[in-house]
Amino acid sequence: MTSPPAREGAHAQLLHALGGAIAAGRLEPGAVLTLARLGRDYGVSRTTAREACLLYTSDAADDGCLL
């Protein structure tokens, strides 16, 4: 999988990383990820994690998302 262009925001880079983790089997489809876990695992802020969740799924919540 190729990396997103650097001009795309951190949320796009996180989306790319999540897609890669799912494709590689490190994350299961349907996994529940908290904003805290995304921040810890991927080194992003809660705001960045929330933006990625909102773009990735319609099941985003205030504290995380369902893949």
PDB file of N, CA and C in Angstrom:
ATOM      1  N   MET A   1       0.835  -1.164   0.000  1.00  0.00           N
ATOM      2  CA  MET A   1       0.000   0.000   0.000  1.00  0.00           C
ATOM      3  C   MET A   1       0.887   1.237   0.000  1.00  0.00           C
ATOM      4  N   THR A   2       0.539   2.245  -0.779  1.00  0.00           N
ATOM      5  CA  THR A   2       1.358   3.447  -0.850  1.00  0.00           C
ATOM      6  C   THR A   2       0.947   4.431   0.224  1.00  0.00           C
ATOM      7  N   SER A   3       1.859   5.326   0.562  1.00  0.00           N
ATOM      8  CA  SER A   3       1.584   6.337   1.569  1.00  0.00           C
ATOM      9  C   SER A   3       0.778   7.476   0.961  1.00  0.00           C
ATOM     10  N   PRO A   4      -0.094   8.099   1.773  1.00  0.00           N
ATOM     11  CA  PRO A   4      -0.814   9.258   1.258  1.00  0.00           C
ATOM     12  C   PRO A   4       0.151  10.425   1.110  1.00  0.00           C
ATOM     13  N   PRO A   5      -0.138  11.354   0.198  1.00  0.00           N
ATOM     14  CA  PRO A   5       0.737  12.522   0.069  1.00  0.00           C
ATOM     15  C   PRO A   5       0.828  13.281   1.385  1.00  0.00           C
ATOM     16  N   ALA A   6       1.982  13.831   1.675  1.00  0.00           N
ATOM     17  CA  ALA A   6       2.205  14.542   2.935  1.00  0.00           C
ATOM     18  C   ALA A   6       1.276  15.742   3.082  1.00  0.00           C
ATOM     19  N   ARG A   7       0.816  16.313   1.969  1.00  0.00           N
ATOM     20  CA  ARG A   7      -0.047  17.485   2.053  1.00  0.00           C
ATOM     21  C   ARG A   7      -1.425  17.139   2.609  1.00  0.00           C
ATOM     22  N   GLU A   8      -1.788  15.866   2.567  1.00  0.00           N
ATOM     23  CA  GLU A   8      -3.025  15.447   3.198  1.00  0.00           C
ATOM     24  C   GLU A   8      -2.782  15.471   4.695  1.00  0.00           C
ATOM     25  N   GLY A   9      -3.792  15.808   5.446  1.00  0.00           N
ATOM     26  CA  GLY A   9      -3.645  15.985   6.877  1.00  0.00           C
ATOM     27  C   GLY A   9      -3.297  14.714   7.627  1.00  0.00           C
ATOM     28  N   ALA A  10      -3.037  14.907   8.907  1.00  0.00           N
ATOM     29  CA  ALA A  10      -2.699  13.776   9.772  1.00  0.00           C
ATOM     30  C   ALA A  10      -3.842  12.774   9.820  1.00  0.00           C
ATOM     31  N   HIS A  11      -5.087  13.255   9.712  1.00  0.00           N
ATOM     32  CA  HIS A  11      -6.215  12.324   9.739  1.00  0.00           C
ATOM     33  C   HIS A  11      -6.195  11.406   8.514  1.00  0.00           C
ATOM     34  N   ALA A  12      -5.760  11.918   7.355  1.00  0.00           N
ATOM     35  CA  ALA A  12      -5.656  11.081   6.155  1.00  0.00           C
ATOM     36  C   ALA A  12      -4.549  10.042   6.334  1.00  0.00           C
ATOM     37  N   GLN A  13      -3.463  10.443   6.971  1.00  0.00           N
ATOM     38  CA  GLN A  13      -2.376   9.497   7.230  1.00  0.00           C
ATOM     39  C   GLN A  13      -2.831   8.418   8.208  1.00  0.00           C
ATOM     40  N   LEU A  14      -3.631   8.799   9.198  1.00  0.00           N
ATOM     41  CA  LEU A  14      -4.168   7.817  10.134  1.00  0.00           C
ATOM     42  C   LEU A  14      -5.119   6.864   9.418  1.00  0.00           C
ATOM     43  N   LEU A  15      -5.974   7.377   8.547  1.00  0.00           N
ATOM     44  CA  LEU A  15      -6.867   6.518   7.770  1.00  0.00           C
ATOM     45  C   LEU A  15      -6.076   5.503   6.962  1.00  0.00           C
ATOM     46  N   HIS A  16      -5.012   5.961   6.357  1.00  0.00           N
ATOM     47  CA  HIS A  16      -4.150   5.073   5.570  1.00  0.00           C
ATOM     48  C   HIS A  16      -3.544   3.987   6.461  1.00  0.00           C
ATOM     49  N   ALA A  17      -3.078   4.372   7.641  1.00  0.00           N
ATOM     50  CA  ALA A  17      -2.486   3.408   8.574  1.00  0.00           C
ATOM     51  C   ALA A  17      -3.527   2.394   9.053  1.00  0.00           C
ATOM     52  N   LEU A  18      -4.741   2.851   9.322  1.00  0.00           N
ATOM     53  CA  LEU A  18      -5.799   1.936   9.758  1.00  0.00           C
ATOM     54  C   LEU A  18      -6.152   0.952   8.651  1.00  0.00           C
ATOM     55  N   GLY A  19      -6.239   1.442   7.430  1.00  0.00           N
ATOM     56  CA  GLY A  19      -6.515   0.557   6.297  1.00  0.00           C
ATOM     57  C   GLY A  19      -5.434  -0.491   6.139  1.00  0.00           C
ATOM     58  N   GLY A  20      -4.188  -0.095   6.310  1.00  0.00           N
ATOM     59  CA  GLY A  20      -3.080  -1.038   6.234  1.00  0.00           C
ATOM     60  C   GLY A  20      -3.124  -2.067   7.351  1.00  0.00           C
ATOM     61  N   ALA A  21      -3.496  -1.622   8.556  1.00  0.00           N
ATOM     62  CA  ALA A  21      -3.584  -2.543   9.697  1.00  0.00           C
ATOM     63  C   ALA A  21      -4.704  -3.559   9.490  1.00  0.00           C
ATOM     64  N   ILE A  22      -5.806  -3.129   8.900  1.00  0.00           N
ATOM     65  CA  ILE A  22      -6.902  -4.060   8.609  1.00  0.00           C
ATOM     66  C   ILE A  22      -6.472  -5.041   7.529  1.00  0.00           C
ATOM     67  N   ALA A  23      -5.866  -4.530   6.465  1.00  0.00           N
ATOM     68  CA  ALA A  23      -5.424  -5.392   5.361  1.00  0.00           C
ATOM     69  C   ALA A  23      -4.396  -6.423   5.833  1.00  0.00           C
ATOM     70  N   ALA A  24      -3.549  -6.041   6.784  1.00  0.00           N
ATOM     71  CA  ALA A  24      -2.509  -6.935   7.284  1.00  0.00           C
ATOM     72  C   ALA A  24      -3.020  -7.872   8.381  1.00  0.00           C
ATOM     73  N   GLY A  25      -4.274  -7.681   8.791  1.00  0.00           N
ATOM     74  CA  GLY A  25      -4.838  -8.541   9.822  1.00  0.00           C
ATOM     75  C   GLY A  25      -4.506  -8.130  11.241  1.00  0.00           C
ATOM     76  N   ARG A  26      -3.892  -6.953  11.416  1.00  0.00           N
ATOM     77  CA  ARG A  26      -3.571  -6.487  12.770  1.00  0.00           C
ATOM     78  C   ARG A  26      -4.794  -5.895  13.466  1.00  0.00           C
ATOM     79  N   LEU A  27      -5.781  -5.463  12.667  1.00  0.00           N
ATOM     80  CA  LEU A  27      -7.061  -4.981  13.197  1.00  0.00           C
ATOM     81  C   LEU A  27      -8.167  -5.750  12.505  1.00  0.00           C
ATOM     82  N   GLU A  28      -9.135  -6.178  13.283  1.00  0.00           N
ATOM     83  CA  GLU A  28     -10.273  -6.910  12.739  1.00  0.00           C
ATOM     84  C   GLU A  28     -11.351  -5.924  12.293  1.00  0.00           C
ATOM     85  N   PRO A  29     -12.003  -6.183  11.155  1.00  0.00           N
ATOM     86  CA  PRO A  29     -13.179  -5.379  10.819  1.00  0.00           C
ATOM     87  C   PRO A  29     -14.187  -5.507  11.966  1.00  0.00           C
ATOM     88  N   GLY A  30     -14.783  -4.409  12.349  1.00  0.00           N
ATOM     89  CA  GLY A  30     -15.717  -4.409  13.471  1.00  0.00           C
ATOM     90  C   GLY A  30     -15.062  -4.094  14.801  1.00  0.00           C
ATOM     91  N   ALA A  31     -13.738  -3.918  14.797  1.00  0.00           N
ATOM     92  CA  ALA A  31     -13.036  -3.566  16.033  1.00  0.00           C
ATOM     93  C   ALA A  31     -13.485  -2.187  16.512  1.00  0.00           C
ATOM     94  N   VAL A  32     -13.582  -2.038  17.808  1.00  0.00           N
ATOM     95  CA  VAL A  32     -13.920  -0.751  18.403  1.00  0.00           C
ATOM     96  C   VAL A  32     -12.618  -0.109  18.858  1.00  0.00           C
ATOM     97  N   LEU A  33     -12.347   1.079  18.362  1.00  0.00           N
ATOM     98  CA  LEU A  33     -11.119   1.794  18.715  1.00  0.00           C
ATOM     99  C   LEU A  33     -11.483   3.083  19.427  1.00  0.00           C
ATOM    100  N   THR A  34     -10.939   3.277  20.603  1.00  0.00           N
ATOM    101  CA  THR A  34     -11.175   4.532  21.316  1.00  0.00           C
ATOM    102  C   THR A  34     -10.213   5.594  20.796  1.00  0.00           C
ATOM    103  N   LEU A  35     -10.592   6.837  20.998  1.00  0.00           N
ATOM    104  CA  LEU A  35      -9.703   7.926  20.598  1.00  0.00           C
ATOM    105  C   LEU A  35      -8.397   7.850  21.375  1.00  0.00           C
ATOM    106  N   ALA A  36      -8.483   7.439  22.634  1.00  0.00           N
ATOM    107  CA  ALA A  36      -7.270   7.295  23.445  1.00  0.00           C
ATOM    108  C   ALA A  36      -6.350   6.227  22.855  1.00  0.00           C
ATOM    109  N   ARG A  37      -6.924   5.094  22.441  1.00  0.00           N
ATOM    110  CA  ARG A  37      -6.102   4.024  21.853  1.00  0.00           C
ATOM    111  C   ARG A  37      -5.483   4.479  20.537  1.00  0.00           C
ATOM    112  N   LEU A  38      -6.270   5.148  19.695  1.00  0.00           N
ATOM    113  CA  LEU A  38      -5.723   5.638  18.426  1.00  0.00           C
ATOM    114  C   LEU A  38      -4.578   6.607  18.680  1.00  0.00           C
ATOM    115  N   GLY A  39      -4.769   7.498  19.659  1.00  0.00           N
ATOM    116  CA  GLY A  39      -3.715   8.444  20.000  1.00  0.00           C
ATOM    117  C   GLY A  39      -2.456   7.750  20.471  1.00  0.00           C
ATOM    118  N   ARG A  40      -2.628   6.771  21.344  1.00  0.00           N
ATOM    119  CA  ARG A  40      -1.482   6.033  21.890  1.00  0.00           C
ATOM    120  C   ARG A  40      -0.789   5.208  20.811  1.00  0.00           C
ATOM    121  N   ASP A  41      -1.573   4.453  20.046  1.00  0.00           N
ATOM    122  CA  ASP A  41      -0.997   3.532  19.063  1.00  0.00           C
ATOM    123  C   ASP A  41      -0.407   4.236  17.847  1.00  0.00           C
ATOM    124  N   TYR A  42      -0.983   5.370  17.462  1.00  0.00           N
ATOM    125  CA  TYR A  42      -0.556   6.031  16.225  1.00  0.00           C
ATOM    126  C   TYR A  42       0.050   7.417  16.453  1.00  0.00           C
ATOM    127  N   GLY A  43       0.146   7.839  17.712  1.00  0.00           N
ATOM    128  CA  GLY A  43       0.803   9.103  18.030  1.00  0.00           C
ATOM    129  C   GLY A  43       0.093  10.331  17.480  1.00  0.00           C
ATOM    130  N   VAL A  44      -1.247  10.313  17.541  1.00  0.00           N
ATOM    131  CA  VAL A  44      -2.027  11.444  17.045  1.00  0.00           C
ATOM    132  C   VAL A  44      -2.873  12.016  18.174  1.00  0.00           C
ATOM    133  N   SER A  45      -3.362  13.224  17.967  1.00  0.00           N
ATOM    134  CA  SER A  45      -4.227  13.855  18.957  1.00  0.00           C
ATOM    135  C   SER A  45      -5.639  13.274  18.877  1.00  0.00           C
ATOM    136  N   ARG A  46      -6.422  13.530  19.927  1.00  0.00           N
ATOM    137  CA  ARG A  46      -7.820  13.092  19.924  1.00  0.00           C
ATOM    138  C   ARG A  46      -8.586  13.745  18.769  1.00  0.00           C
ATOM    139  N   THR A  47      -8.273  14.988  18.460  1.00  0.00           N
ATOM    140  CA  THR A  47      -8.946  15.675  17.359  1.00  0.00           C
ATOM    141  C   THR A  47      -8.649  14.988  16.036  1.00  0.00           C
ATOM    142  N   THR A  48      -7.401  14.650  15.804  1.00  0.00           N
ATOM    143  CA  THR A  48      -7.020  13.943  14.578  1.00  0.00           C
ATOM    144  C   THR A  48      -7.702  12.586  14.517  1.00  0.00           C
ATOM    145  N   ALA A  49      -7.709  11.872  15.636  1.00  0.00           N
ATOM    146  CA  ALA A  49      -8.360  10.555  15.684  1.00  0.00           C
ATOM    147  C   ALA A  49      -9.849  10.693  15.404  1.00  0.00           C
ATOM    148  N   ARG A  50     -10.494  11.707  15.975  1.00  0.00           N
ATOM    149  CA  ARG A  50     -11.920  11.929  15.760  1.00  0.00           C
ATOM    150  C   ARG A  50     -12.203  12.235  14.295  1.00  0.00           C
ATOM    151  N   GLU A  51     -11.392  13.080  13.671  1.00  0.00           N
ATOM    152  CA  GLU A  51     -11.572  13.413  12.253  1.00  0.00           C
ATOM    153  C   GLU A  51     -11.451  12.157  11.392  1.00  0.00           C
ATOM    154  N   ALA A  52     -10.467  11.315  11.689  1.00  0.00           N
ATOM    155  CA  ALA A  52     -10.291  10.083  10.923  1.00  0.00           C
ATOM    156  C   ALA A  52     -11.497   9.169  11.105  1.00  0.00           C
ATOM    157  N   CYS A  53     -11.979   9.056  12.336  1.00  0.00           N
ATOM    158  CA  CYS A  53     -13.152   8.214  12.594  1.00  0.00           C
ATOM    159  C   CYS A  53     -14.368   8.716  11.825  1.00  0.00           C
ATOM    160  N   LEU A  54     -14.558  10.014  11.806  1.00  0.00           N
ATOM    161  CA  LEU A  54     -15.704  10.586  11.099  1.00  0.00           C
ATOM    162  C   LEU A  54     -15.628  10.312   9.601  1.00  0.00           C
ATOM    163  N   LEU A  55     -14.437  10.328   9.053  1.00  0.00           N
ATOM    164  CA  LEU A  55     -14.269  10.050   7.626  1.00  0.00           C
ATOM    165  C   LEU A  55     -14.357   8.554   7.336  1.00  0.00           C
ATOM    166  N   TYR A  56     -13.932   7.726   8.275  1.00  0.00           N
ATOM    167  CA  TYR A  56     -13.851   6.284   8.032  1.00  0.00           C
ATOM    168  C   TYR A  56     -15.196   5.595   8.151  1.00  0.00           C
ATOM    169  N   THR A  57     -16.001   6.042   9.086  1.00  0.00           N
ATOM    170  CA  THR A  57     -17.240   5.326   9.370  1.00  0.00           C
ATOM    171  C   THR A  57     -18.342   6.260   9.806  1.00  0.00           C
ATOM    172  N   SER A  58     -19.552   5.852   9.582  1.00  0.00           N
ATOM    173  CA  SER A  58     -20.681   6.622  10.082  1.00  0.00           C
ATOM    174  C   SER A  58     -20.974   6.255  11.535  1.00  0.00           C
ATOM    175  N   ASP A  59     -20.242   5.285  12.081  1.00  0.00           N
ATOM    176  CA  ASP A  59     -20.440   4.843  13.455  1.00  0.00           C
ATOM    177  C   ASP A  59     -19.486   5.515  14.420  1.00  0.00           C
ATOM    178  N   ALA A  60     -19.043   6.714  14.092  1.00  0.00           N
ATOM    179  CA  ALA A  60     -18.135   7.428  14.992  1.00  0.00           C
ATOM    180  C   ALA A  60     -18.902   7.912  16.216  1.00  0.00           C
ATOM    181  N   ALA A  61     -18.257   7.866  17.336  1.00  0.00           N
ATOM    182  CA  ALA A  61     -18.832   8.346  18.592  1.00  0.00           C
ATOM    183  C   ALA A  61     -17.896   9.389  19.185  1.00  0.00           C
ATOM    184  N   ASP A  62     -18.317   9.997  20.269  1.00  0.00           N
ATOM    185  CA  ASP A  62     -17.493  11.027  20.907  1.00  0.00           C
ATOM    186  C   ASP A  62     -16.165  10.473  21.410  1.00  0.00           C
ATOM    187  N   ASP A  63     -16.105   9.181  21.704  1.00  0.00           N
ATOM    188  CA  ASP A  63     -14.906   8.625  22.308  1.00  0.00           C
ATOM    189  C   ASP A  63     -14.220   7.566  21.448  1.00  0.00           C
ATOM    190  N   GLY A  64     -14.636   7.368  20.199  1.00  0.00           N
ATOM    191  CA  GLY A  64     -13.970   6.387  19.356  1.00  0.00           C
ATOM    192  C   GLY A  64     -14.783   6.048  18.121  1.00  0.00           C
ATOM    193  N   CYS A  65     -14.445   4.930  17.487  1.00  0.00           N
ATOM    194  CA  CYS A  65     -15.152   4.538  16.280  1.00  0.00           C
ATOM    195  C   CYS A  65     -15.154   3.031  16.114  1.00  0.00           C
ATOM    196  N   LEU A  66     -16.080   2.570  15.304  1.00  0.00           N
ATOM    197  CA  LEU A  66     -16.227   1.161  14.974  1.00  0.00           C
ATOM    198  C   LEU A  66     -15.730   0.972  13.560  1.00  0.00           C
ATOM    199  N   LEU A  67     -14.744   0.098  13.377  1.00  0.00           N
ATOM    200  CA  LEU A  67     -14.198  -0.118  12.035  1.00  0.00           C
ATOM    201  C   LEU A  67     -15.067  -1.065  11.235  1.00  0.00           C
TER     202      LEU A  67
END
